[in-house]
Amino acid sequence: MFTRLLPIYLLIFSGFAYSAEGNRPASFLYEESEKQLVNLIRYPKDIKGKVALVLNCVSRVQPSGKMKDTGCFTEKQYEQTFTSQVIKAGKRARMVPALIDGKAYEIYLQFRVEFAAEKDEKLVRLYPNTGYEENVLEYGFHYTAGQRAIGKKEPWNDACPSRAKYTVWARSYLGEDGKADSPTIEFGQGLRPIASCLDAIKQTIVNSKYTPAMSEGEFVPSVYIEIFGN
């Protein structure tokens, strides 16, 4: 899986620039390197031996560049040790905030963190995407996924359960113009939400603003996926 292991660093997968309309995705490349997320994540000291792990993580990146509510999805107990390092780093990290039409927005960031170790070499990498198969087949691993601007009051907040546990995945087409279309829902765990909740999630997806996916410095169409629940 890994052809080379290096000290902690950040892979730059795509160009980072403004479009003609003043749009850009949030970026890990904050000007002060000591505040970049990749440089704040510590490889767990208690983990020994060969490791090859990729965590799917999320965060709410503020217009100021601060990361809020950072977390990762875990399936196995030992993964929580790595997740805790990502969460700790997220509290101190800063990002270049996302711009949509020249304005900074709070966005829902989905990214992956790769931990790898072999002998005495350890590695932490960040990928600004979820690695969703359709997008990887089209653009490879080196792309930035679409990022959704979080509204102050979104339709699904009132229409969906506030206490009952549930998760659903919303999947939609996201054009290079930042417009989402044709959302569909896939059920996850817990309660199966009623139709009004599902309709509100779809409405949230369609009505939101986005920074489109980016590959090789250009905005590109993609498949956008986001988990909703509590």
C-alpha atoms as a PDB file:
ATOM      1  CA  MET A   1       0.000   0.000   0.000  1.00  0.00           C
ATOM      2  CA  PHE A   2       2.827   2.408   0.823  1.00  0.00           C
ATOM      3  CA  THR A   3       5.823   2.623  -1.428  1.00  0.00           C
ATOM      4  CA  ARG A   4       7.690   5.042   0.771  1.00  0.00           C
ATOM      5  CA  LEU A   5       7.473   6.165   4.381  1.00  0.00           C
ATOM      6  CA  LEU A   6       8.551   9.658   5.377  1.00  0.00           C
ATOM      7  CA  PRO A   7       8.291  11.886   8.453  1.00  0.00           C
ATOM      8  CA  ILE A   8       5.018  13.785   9.020  1.00  0.00           C
ATOM      9  CA  TYR A   9       4.093  15.990   6.081  1.00  0.00           C
ATOM     10  CA  LEU A  10       1.151  17.092   3.962  1.00  0.00           C
ATOM     11  CA  LEU A  11       0.551  15.872   0.444  1.00  0.00           C
ATOM     12  CA  ILE A  12      -0.641  18.648  -1.842  1.00  0.00           C
ATOM     13  CA  PHE A  13      -3.111  17.017  -4.171  1.00  0.00           C
ATOM     14  CA  SER A  14      -4.554  19.856  -6.179  1.00  0.00           C
ATOM     15  CA  GLY A  15      -4.009  23.450  -7.168  1.00  0.00           C
ATOM     16  CA  PHE A  16      -5.067  26.110  -4.704  1.00  0.00           C
ATOM     17  CA  ALA A  17      -6.344  29.253  -6.333  1.00  0.00           C
ATOM     18  CA  TYR A  18      -9.291  31.553  -6.741  1.00  0.00           C
ATOM     19  CA  SER A  19     -11.701  31.064  -9.600  1.00  0.00           C
ATOM     20  CA  ALA A  20     -12.961  34.037 -11.560  1.00  0.00           C
ATOM     21  CA  GLU A  21     -15.899  34.243  -9.123  1.00  0.00           C
ATOM     22  CA  GLY A  22     -13.718  34.283  -5.996  1.00  0.00           C
ATOM     23  CA  ASN A  23     -14.367  30.673  -4.965  1.00  0.00           C
ATOM     24  CA  ARG A  24     -11.935  28.329  -3.225  1.00  0.00           C
ATOM     25  CA  PRO A  25     -12.192  25.295  -0.957  1.00  0.00           C
ATOM     26  CA  ALA A  26     -10.903  25.321   2.607  1.00  0.00           C
ATOM     27  CA  SER A  27      -7.282  24.225   2.620  1.00  0.00           C
ATOM     28  CA  PHE A  28      -4.911  22.634   5.130  1.00  0.00           C
ATOM     29  CA  LEU A  29      -2.134  24.936   3.857  1.00  0.00           C
ATOM     30  CA  TYR A  30      -2.377  27.599   6.548  1.00  0.00           C
ATOM     31  CA  GLU A  31       0.396  30.181   6.299  1.00  0.00           C
ATOM     32  CA  GLU A  32       1.884  29.327   9.708  1.00  0.00           C
ATOM     33  CA  SER A  33       3.171  25.773   9.374  1.00  0.00           C
ATOM     34  CA  GLU A  34       3.133  25.147  13.124  1.00  0.00           C
ATOM     35  CA  LYS A  35      -0.644  25.570  13.070  1.00  0.00           C
ATOM     36  CA  GLN A  36      -1.263  23.259  10.128  1.00  0.00           C
ATOM     37  CA  LEU A  37      -3.267  20.192  11.083  1.00  0.00           C
ATOM     38  CA  VAL A  38      -0.766  17.698   9.689  1.00  0.00           C
ATOM     39  CA  ASN A  39       2.010  19.139  11.851  1.00  0.00           C
ATOM     40  CA  LEU A  40      -0.115  18.991  15.003  1.00  0.00           C
ATOM     41  CA  ILE A  41      -1.233  15.361  14.714  1.00  0.00           C
ATOM     42  CA  ARG A  42       1.013  13.194  16.857  1.00  0.00           C
ATOM     43  CA  TYR A  43       1.594   9.568  16.010  1.00  0.00           C
ATOM     44  CA  PRO A  44       0.457   7.566  19.094  1.00  0.00           C
ATOM     45  CA  LYS A  45       3.498   6.653  21.199  1.00  0.00           C
ATOM     46  CA  ASP A  46       1.973   3.438  22.531  1.00  0.00           C
ATOM     47  CA  ILE A  47       1.339   1.945  19.083  1.00  0.00           C
ATOM     48  CA  LYS A  48       4.133  -0.366  18.041  1.00  0.00           C
ATOM     49  CA  GLY A  49       4.813  -2.417  14.935  1.00  0.00           C
ATOM     50  CA  LYS A  50       3.611  -2.083  11.370  1.00  0.00           C
ATOM     51  CA  VAL A  51       0.541   0.090  10.837  1.00  0.00           C
ATOM     52  CA  ALA A  52      -1.544   0.926   7.759  1.00  0.00           C
ATOM     53  CA  LEU A  53      -4.687   2.827   8.744  1.00  0.00           C
ATOM     54  CA  VAL A  54      -6.863   5.440   7.046  1.00  0.00           C
ATOM     55  CA  LEU A  55      -9.535   7.263   9.079  1.00  0.00           C
ATOM     56  CA  ASN A  56     -12.533   9.055   7.585  1.00  0.00           C
ATOM     57  CA  CYS A  57     -12.926  12.330   9.462  1.00  0.00           C
ATOM     58  CA  VAL A  58     -15.117  15.447   9.463  1.00  0.00           C
ATOM     59  CA  SER A  59     -14.953  18.970  10.838  1.00  0.00           C
ATOM     60  CA  ARG A  60     -16.766  22.278  10.643  1.00  0.00           C
ATOM     61  CA  VAL A  61     -14.278  24.848   9.380  1.00  0.00           C
ATOM     62  CA  GLN A  62     -15.207  28.334  10.518  1.00  0.00           C
ATOM     63  CA  PRO A  63     -14.861  31.533   8.440  1.00  0.00           C
ATOM     64  CA  SER A  64     -11.910  32.323  10.724  1.00  0.00           C
ATOM     65  CA  GLY A  65     -10.199  29.057   9.771  1.00  0.00           C
ATOM     66  CA  LYS A  66     -10.752  27.361  13.134  1.00  0.00           C
ATOM     67  CA  MET A  67     -11.829  23.722  13.145  1.00  0.00           C
ATOM     68  CA  LYS A  68     -14.893  22.824  15.219  1.00  0.00           C
ATOM     69  CA  ASP A  69     -16.475  19.480  16.188  1.00  0.00           C
ATOM     70  CA  THR A  70     -13.682  17.488  14.566  1.00  0.00           C
ATOM     71  CA  GLY A  71     -14.121  13.722  14.708  1.00  0.00           C
ATOM     72  CA  CYS A  72     -13.475  10.463  12.876  1.00  0.00           C
ATOM     73  CA  PHE A  73     -15.532   7.353  12.205  1.00  0.00           C
ATOM     74  CA  THR A  74     -14.081   4.276  13.888  1.00  0.00           C
ATOM     75  CA  GLU A  75     -14.912   0.606  13.515  1.00  0.00           C
ATOM     76  CA  LYS A  76     -12.324  -1.002  15.777  1.00  0.00           C
ATOM     77  CA  GLN A  77     -11.289  -0.212  19.338  1.00  0.00           C
ATOM     78  CA  TYR A  78      -7.622   0.516  18.560  1.00  0.00           C
ATOM     79  CA  GLU A  79      -8.635   3.147  15.991  1.00  0.00           C
ATOM     80  CA  GLN A  80      -9.878   5.389  18.800  1.00  0.00           C
ATOM     81  CA  THR A  81      -6.272   5.976  19.884  1.00  0.00           C
ATOM     82  CA  PHE A  82      -5.515   7.484  16.475  1.00  0.00           C
ATOM     83  CA  THR A  83      -8.811   9.386  16.379  1.00  0.00           C
ATOM     84  CA  SER A  84      -8.026  11.088  19.681  1.00  0.00           C
ATOM     85  CA  GLN A  85      -4.839  12.486  18.146  1.00  0.00           C
ATOM     86  CA  VAL A  86      -6.812  13.977  15.244  1.00  0.00           C
ATOM     87  CA  ILE A  87      -9.352  15.531  17.634  1.00  0.00           C
ATOM     88  CA  LYS A  88      -6.652  17.060  19.832  1.00  0.00           C
ATOM     89  CA  ALA A  89      -4.863  18.507  16.814  1.00  0.00           C
ATOM     90  CA  GLY A  90      -8.096  19.894  15.382  1.00  0.00           C
ATOM     91  CA  LYS A  91      -8.633  22.029  18.484  1.00  0.00           C
ATOM     92  CA  ARG A  92      -5.357  23.839  17.854  1.00  0.00           C
ATOM     93  CA  ALA A  93      -5.179  23.804  14.055  1.00  0.00           C
ATOM     94  CA  ARG A  94      -6.024  26.566  11.634  1.00  0.00           C
ATOM     95  CA  MET A  95      -7.065  26.278   8.000  1.00  0.00           C
ATOM     96  CA  VAL A  96      -7.366  28.631   5.076  1.00  0.00           C
ATOM     97  CA  PRO A  97     -11.151  29.206   5.089  1.00  0.00           C
ATOM     98  CA  ALA A  98     -13.428  28.455   2.163  1.00  0.00           C
ATOM     99  CA  LEU A  99     -14.685  31.274  -0.054  1.00  0.00           C
ATOM    100  CA  ILE A 100     -17.889  31.238  -2.072  1.00  0.00           C
ATOM    101  CA  ASP A 101     -18.514  34.272  -4.268  1.00  0.00           C
ATOM    102  CA  GLY A 102     -15.768  36.057  -2.373  1.00  0.00           C
ATOM    103  CA  LYS A 103     -17.302  35.472   1.078  1.00  0.00           C
ATOM    104  CA  ALA A 104     -15.917  33.206   3.806  1.00  0.00           C
ATOM    105  CA  TYR A 105     -18.364  30.509   4.963  1.00  0.00           C
ATOM    106  CA  GLU A 106     -18.487  27.833   7.627  1.00  0.00           C
ATOM    107  CA  ILE A 107     -18.185  24.584   5.687  1.00  0.00           C
ATOM    108  CA  TYR A 108     -18.596  20.882   6.342  1.00  0.00           C
ATOM    109  CA  LEU A 109     -15.167  19.404   5.696  1.00  0.00           C
ATOM    110  CA  GLN A 110     -14.730  15.711   4.945  1.00  0.00           C
ATOM    111  CA  PHE A 111     -11.183  14.389   4.877  1.00  0.00           C
ATOM    112  CA  ARG A 112      -9.064  11.327   5.523  1.00  0.00           C
ATOM    113  CA  VAL A 113      -6.062  10.876   7.770  1.00  0.00           C
ATOM    114  CA  GLU A 114      -3.545   8.175   6.936  1.00  0.00           C
ATOM    115  CA  PHE A 115      -1.284   6.699   9.615  1.00  0.00           C
ATOM    116  CA  ALA A 116       1.472   4.325   8.577  1.00  0.00           C
ATOM    117  CA  ALA A 117       4.497   2.828  10.289  1.00  0.00           C
ATOM    118  CA  GLU A 118       7.083   0.282   9.318  1.00  0.00           C
ATOM    119  CA  LYS A 119      10.169  -0.307  11.473  1.00  0.00           C
ATOM    120  CA  ASP A 120      11.270   3.117  12.758  1.00  0.00           C
ATOM    121  CA  GLU A 121       9.551   5.229  10.083  1.00  0.00           C
ATOM    122  CA  LYS A 122       6.192   6.849  10.798  1.00  0.00           C
ATOM    123  CA  LEU A 123       3.890   8.785   8.520  1.00  0.00           C
ATOM    124  CA  VAL A 124       0.808  10.989   8.775  1.00  0.00           C
ATOM    125  CA  ARG A 125      -0.901  12.218   5.609  1.00  0.00           C
ATOM    126  CA  LEU A 126      -4.055  14.253   4.995  1.00  0.00           C
ATOM    127  CA  TYR A 127      -6.378  13.731   2.047  1.00  0.00           C
ATOM    128  CA  PRO A 128      -8.989  16.492   1.468  1.00  0.00           C
ATOM    129  CA  ASN A 129     -11.603  14.002   0.245  1.00  0.00           C
ATOM    130  CA  THR A 130     -13.532  10.916   1.335  1.00  0.00           C
ATOM    131  CA  GLY A 131     -12.005   8.619  -1.276  1.00  0.00           C
ATOM    132  CA  TYR A 132     -15.426   7.875  -2.733  1.00  0.00           C
ATOM    133  CA  GLU A 133     -14.975   5.320  -5.506  1.00  0.00           C
ATOM    134  CA  GLU A 134     -16.631   7.205  -8.378  1.00  0.00           C
ATOM    135  CA  ASN A 135     -14.546  10.308  -7.744  1.00  0.00           C
ATOM    136  CA  VAL A 136     -11.308   8.343  -7.307  1.00  0.00           C
ATOM    137  CA  LEU A 137     -11.868   6.523 -10.583  1.00  0.00           C
ATOM    138  CA  GLU A 138     -12.291   9.870 -12.326  1.00  0.00           C
ATOM    139  CA  TYR A 139      -9.669  12.005 -10.580  1.00  0.00           C
ATOM    140  CA  GLY A 140      -7.420   9.636  -8.621  1.00  0.00           C
ATOM    141  CA  PHE A 141      -6.612  10.183  -4.956  1.00  0.00           C
ATOM    142  CA  HIS A 142      -5.203  13.651  -5.582  1.00  0.00           C
ATOM    143  CA  TYR A 143      -8.304  15.837  -5.582  1.00  0.00           C
ATOM    144  CA  THR A 144     -10.208  18.080  -3.189  1.00  0.00           C
ATOM    145  CA  ALA A 145     -13.806  17.041  -2.525  1.00  0.00           C
ATOM    146  CA  GLY A 146     -16.755  19.413  -2.688  1.00  0.00           C
ATOM    147  CA  GLN A 147     -17.418  21.345   0.534  1.00  0.00           C
ATOM    148  CA  ARG A 148     -20.900  22.388   1.657  1.00  0.00           C
ATOM    149  CA  ALA A 149     -21.525  25.737   3.338  1.00  0.00           C
ATOM    150  CA  ILE A 150     -23.463  25.228   6.584  1.00  0.00           C
ATOM    151  CA  GLY A 151     -26.510  27.454   6.928  1.00  0.00           C
ATOM    152  CA  LYS A 152     -27.579  29.080  10.187  1.00  0.00           C
ATOM    153  CA  LYS A 153     -30.929  27.295   9.996  1.00  0.00           C
ATOM    154  CA  GLU A 154     -31.244  24.287   7.719  1.00  0.00           C
ATOM    155  CA  PRO A 155     -34.500  22.475   6.840  1.00  0.00           C
ATOM    156  CA  TRP A 156     -33.417  19.129   8.279  1.00  0.00           C
ATOM    157  CA  ASN A 157     -32.718  20.590  11.740  1.00  0.00           C
ATOM    158  CA  ASP A 158     -36.425  20.904  12.558  1.00  0.00           C
ATOM    159  CA  ALA A 159     -37.807  18.058  10.437  1.00  0.00           C
ATOM    160  CA  CYS A 160     -35.527  15.243  11.668  1.00  0.00           C
ATOM    161  CA  PRO A 161     -35.309  13.546  15.093  1.00  0.00           C
ATOM    162  CA  SER A 162     -33.377  15.534  17.672  1.00  0.00           C
ATOM    163  CA  ARG A 163     -32.856  12.725  20.183  1.00  0.00           C
ATOM    164  CA  ALA A 164     -33.444   9.369  18.520  1.00  0.00           C
ATOM    165  CA  LYS A 165     -30.281   7.868  17.047  1.00  0.00           C
ATOM    166  CA  TYR A 166     -30.178   7.606  13.269  1.00  0.00           C
ATOM    167  CA  THR A 167     -27.766   7.990  10.359  1.00  0.00           C
ATOM    168  CA  VAL A 168     -28.437   8.389   6.661  1.00  0.00           C
ATOM    169  CA  TRP A 169     -26.157   9.124   3.723  1.00  0.00           C
ATOM    170  CA  ALA A 170     -27.224  11.799   1.254  1.00  0.00           C
ATOM    171  CA  ARG A 171     -25.721  11.381  -2.201  1.00  0.00           C
ATOM    172  CA  SER A 172     -26.012  13.943  -4.982  1.00  0.00           C
ATOM    173  CA  TYR A 173     -24.425  15.225  -8.161  1.00  0.00           C
ATOM    174  CA  LEU A 174     -22.308  18.352  -7.606  1.00  0.00           C
ATOM    175  CA  GLY A 175     -21.478  20.377 -10.698  1.00  0.00           C
ATOM    176  CA  GLU A 176     -18.359  22.419 -11.293  1.00  0.00           C
ATOM    177  CA  ASP A 177     -20.626  25.458 -10.866  1.00  0.00           C
ATOM    178  CA  GLY A 178     -21.257  24.528  -7.222  1.00  0.00           C
ATOM    179  CA  LYS A 179     -24.859  23.423  -7.761  1.00  0.00           C
ATOM    180  CA  ALA A 180     -26.099  20.158  -6.221  1.00  0.00           C
ATOM    181  CA  ASP A 181     -28.788  18.112  -7.940  1.00  0.00           C
ATOM    182  CA  SER A 182     -30.637  14.777  -7.825  1.00  0.00           C
ATOM    183  CA  PRO A 183     -30.067  13.861  -4.160  1.00  0.00           C
ATOM    184  CA  THR A 184     -30.794  10.319  -2.990  1.00  0.00           C
ATOM    185  CA  ILE A 185     -30.794   8.822   0.511  1.00  0.00           C
ATOM    186  CA  GLU A 186     -29.191   5.618   1.776  1.00  0.00           C
ATOM    187  CA  PHE A 187     -30.147   4.418   5.247  1.00  0.00           C
ATOM    188  CA  GLY A 188     -27.464   3.747   7.832  1.00  0.00           C
ATOM    189  CA  GLN A 189     -28.037   2.767  11.441  1.00  0.00           C
ATOM    190  CA  GLY A 190     -30.692   3.426  14.064  1.00  0.00           C
ATOM    191  CA  LEU A 191     -34.158   4.846  13.487  1.00  0.00           C
ATOM    192  CA  ARG A 192     -35.470   4.978   9.933  1.00  0.00           C
ATOM    193  CA  PRO A 193     -36.481   8.648   9.484  1.00  0.00           C
ATOM    194  CA  ILE A 194     -39.927   9.529   8.155  1.00  0.00           C
ATOM    195  CA  ALA A 195     -40.513  11.004   4.710  1.00  0.00           C
ATOM    196  CA  SER A 196     -40.646  14.627   5.900  1.00  0.00           C
ATOM    197  CA  CYS A 197     -37.167  14.292   7.400  1.00  0.00           C
ATOM    198  CA  LEU A 198     -35.755  12.744   4.233  1.00  0.00           C
ATOM    199  CA  ASP A 199     -37.347  15.466   2.100  1.00  0.00           C
ATOM    200  CA  ALA A 200     -35.826  18.127   4.377  1.00  0.00           C
ATOM    201  CA  ILE A 201     -32.355  16.563   4.008  1.00  0.00           C
ATOM    202  CA  LYS A 202     -32.728  16.578   0.234  1.00  0.00           C
ATOM    203  CA  GLN A 203     -33.880  20.193   0.372  1.00  0.00           C
ATOM    204  CA  THR A 204     -30.842  21.074   2.496  1.00  0.00           C
ATOM    205  CA  ILE A 205     -28.529  19.453  -0.035  1.00  0.00           C
ATOM    206  CA  VAL A 206     -30.074  21.179  -3.048  1.00  0.00           C
ATOM    207  CA  ASN A 207     -30.379  24.633  -1.458  1.00  0.00           C
ATOM    208  CA  SER A 208     -26.880  24.787   0.039  1.00  0.00           C
ATOM    209  CA  LYS A 209     -23.901  26.621  -1.390  1.00  0.00           C
ATOM    210  CA  TYR A 210     -20.762  24.626  -2.234  1.00  0.00           C
ATOM    211  CA  THR A 211     -17.180  24.895  -3.273  1.00  0.00           C
ATOM    212  CA  PRO A 212     -17.030  22.318  -6.091  1.00  0.00           C
ATOM    213  CA  ALA A 213     -14.580  19.459  -6.191  1.00  0.00           C
ATOM    214  CA  MET A 214     -11.168  20.495  -7.497  1.00  0.00           C
ATOM    215  CA  SER A 215      -8.658  18.481  -9.500  1.00  0.00           C
ATOM    216  CA  GLU A 216      -5.378  19.788 -10.901  1.00  0.00           C
ATOM    217  CA  GLY A 217      -6.346  23.369 -10.091  1.00  0.00           C
ATOM    218  CA  GLU A 218      -9.732  23.253 -11.844  1.00  0.00           C
ATOM    219  CA  PHE A 219     -13.254  22.887 -10.497  1.00  0.00           C
ATOM    220  CA  VAL A 220     -14.796  19.626 -11.687  1.00  0.00           C
ATOM    221  CA  PRO A 221     -18.136  17.793 -11.391  1.00  0.00           C
ATOM    222  CA  SER A 222     -18.278  15.099  -8.726  1.00  0.00           C
ATOM    223  CA  VAL A 223     -20.427  12.896  -6.559  1.00  0.00           C
ATOM    224  CA  TYR A 224     -21.099  14.569  -3.215  1.00  0.00           C
ATOM    225  CA  ILE A 225     -21.907  12.459  -0.148  1.00  0.00           C
ATOM    226  CA  GLU A 226     -22.687  13.629   3.368  1.00  0.00           C
ATOM    227  CA  ILE A 227     -23.853  11.814   6.491  1.00  0.00           C
ATOM    228  CA  PHE A 228     -26.800  13.212   8.463  1.00  0.00           C
ATOM    229  CA  GLY A 229     -27.905  12.061  11.885  1.00  0.00           C
ATOM    230  CA  ASN A 230     -27.210  12.317  15.596  1.00  0.00           C
END
